[in-house]
Amino acid sequence: MREIISQHLKERARDAKKQRAIDALDRLTRLRERIERRSGVYQRDLIAEARAERDGQMGRIWSGGEH
């Protein structure tokens, strides 16, 4: 009987932890949606833009155009 109760309590704790994670994700989703409504969504590819800028800088450095 003790093992059954122990297992039940472990399952409840695990379920509670899962629910807290789900609740946190829900709050983050709502926050993201509010920010998007207020500020909009950047439509371009930030990573590609940063990479292209850095590649250009490195090219200029290697060619002696910038130090």
Protein backbone atom coordinates (compact mmCIF):
# COMPACT_ATOMS: atom_id res chain seq x y z
CA MET A 1 0.00 0.00 0.00
CA ARG A 2 2.84 2.38 0.83
CA GLU A 3 4.34 1.93 -2.67
CA ILE A 4 1.01 2.70 -4.31
CA ILE A 5 0.66 5.94 -2.36
CA SER A 6 4.28 6.86 -3.06
CA GLN A 7 3.81 6.23 -6.78
CA HIS A 8 0.59 8.24 -6.79
CA LEU A 9 2.32 11.20 -5.10
CA LYS A 10 5.20 11.05 -7.59
CA GLU A 11 2.74 11.06 -10.49
CA ARG A 12 0.87 14.04 -9.01
CA ALA A 13 4.13 15.95 -8.59
CA ARG A 14 5.14 15.14 -12.18
CA ASP A 15 1.71 16.20 -13.45
CA ALA A 16 1.92 19.45 -11.49
CA LYS A 17 5.37 20.15 -12.96
CA LYS A 18 4.05 19.54 -16.48
CA GLN A 19 1.11 21.85 -15.83
CA ARG A 20 3.41 24.63 -14.58
CA ALA A 21 5.47 24.28 -17.77
CA ILE A 22 2.33 24.43 -19.93
CA ASP A 23 1.11 27.49 -18.00
CA ALA A 24 4.48 29.21 -18.49
CA LEU A 25 4.37 28.51 -22.23
CA ASP A 26 0.85 29.92 -22.39
CA ARG A 27 1.98 33.10 -20.63
CA LEU A 28 4.92 33.44 -23.01
CA THR A 29 2.61 32.97 -25.99
CA ARG A 30 0.28 35.70 -24.74
CA LEU A 31 3.24 38.02 -24.11
CA ARG A 32 4.61 37.40 -27.62
CA GLU A 33 1.19 38.09 -29.13
CA ARG A 34 0.90 41.39 -27.21
CA ILE A 35 4.36 42.46 -28.34
CA GLU A 36 3.53 41.55 -31.95
CA ARG A 37 0.30 43.56 -31.82
CA ARG A 38 2.10 46.56 -30.32
CA SER A 39 5.31 46.47 -32.37
CA GLY A 40 4.57 44.34 -35.40
CA VAL A 41 6.69 41.53 -36.77
CA TYR A 42 10.03 42.03 -38.52
CA GLN A 43 9.53 40.38 -41.90
CA ARG A 44 13.12 40.08 -43.02
CA ASP A 45 15.77 37.48 -42.11
CA LEU A 46 17.86 38.98 -39.31
CA ILE A 47 20.36 36.13 -39.27
CA ALA A 48 21.03 36.31 -43.00
CA GLU A 49 21.39 40.10 -42.78
CA ALA A 50 23.84 39.88 -39.87
CA ARG A 51 25.80 37.16 -41.62
CA ALA A 52 26.04 39.20 -44.83
CA GLU A 53 27.17 42.27 -42.91
CA ARG A 54 29.81 40.29 -41.03
CA ASP A 55 31.01 38.62 -44.24
CA GLY A 56 31.38 42.06 -45.82
CA GLN A 57 33.35 43.32 -42.84
CA MET A 58 35.64 40.28 -42.92
CA GLY A 59 36.14 40.70 -46.65
CA ARG A 60 37.17 44.32 -46.18
CA ILE A 61 39.54 43.39 -43.35
CA TRP A 62 41.21 40.61 -45.33
CA SER A 63 41.56 42.81 -48.39
CA GLY A 64 43.22 45.53 -46.34
CA GLY A 65 40.36 47.99 -46.67
CA GLU A 66 39.52 48.14 -42.96
CA HIS A 67 41.49 47.60 -39.79
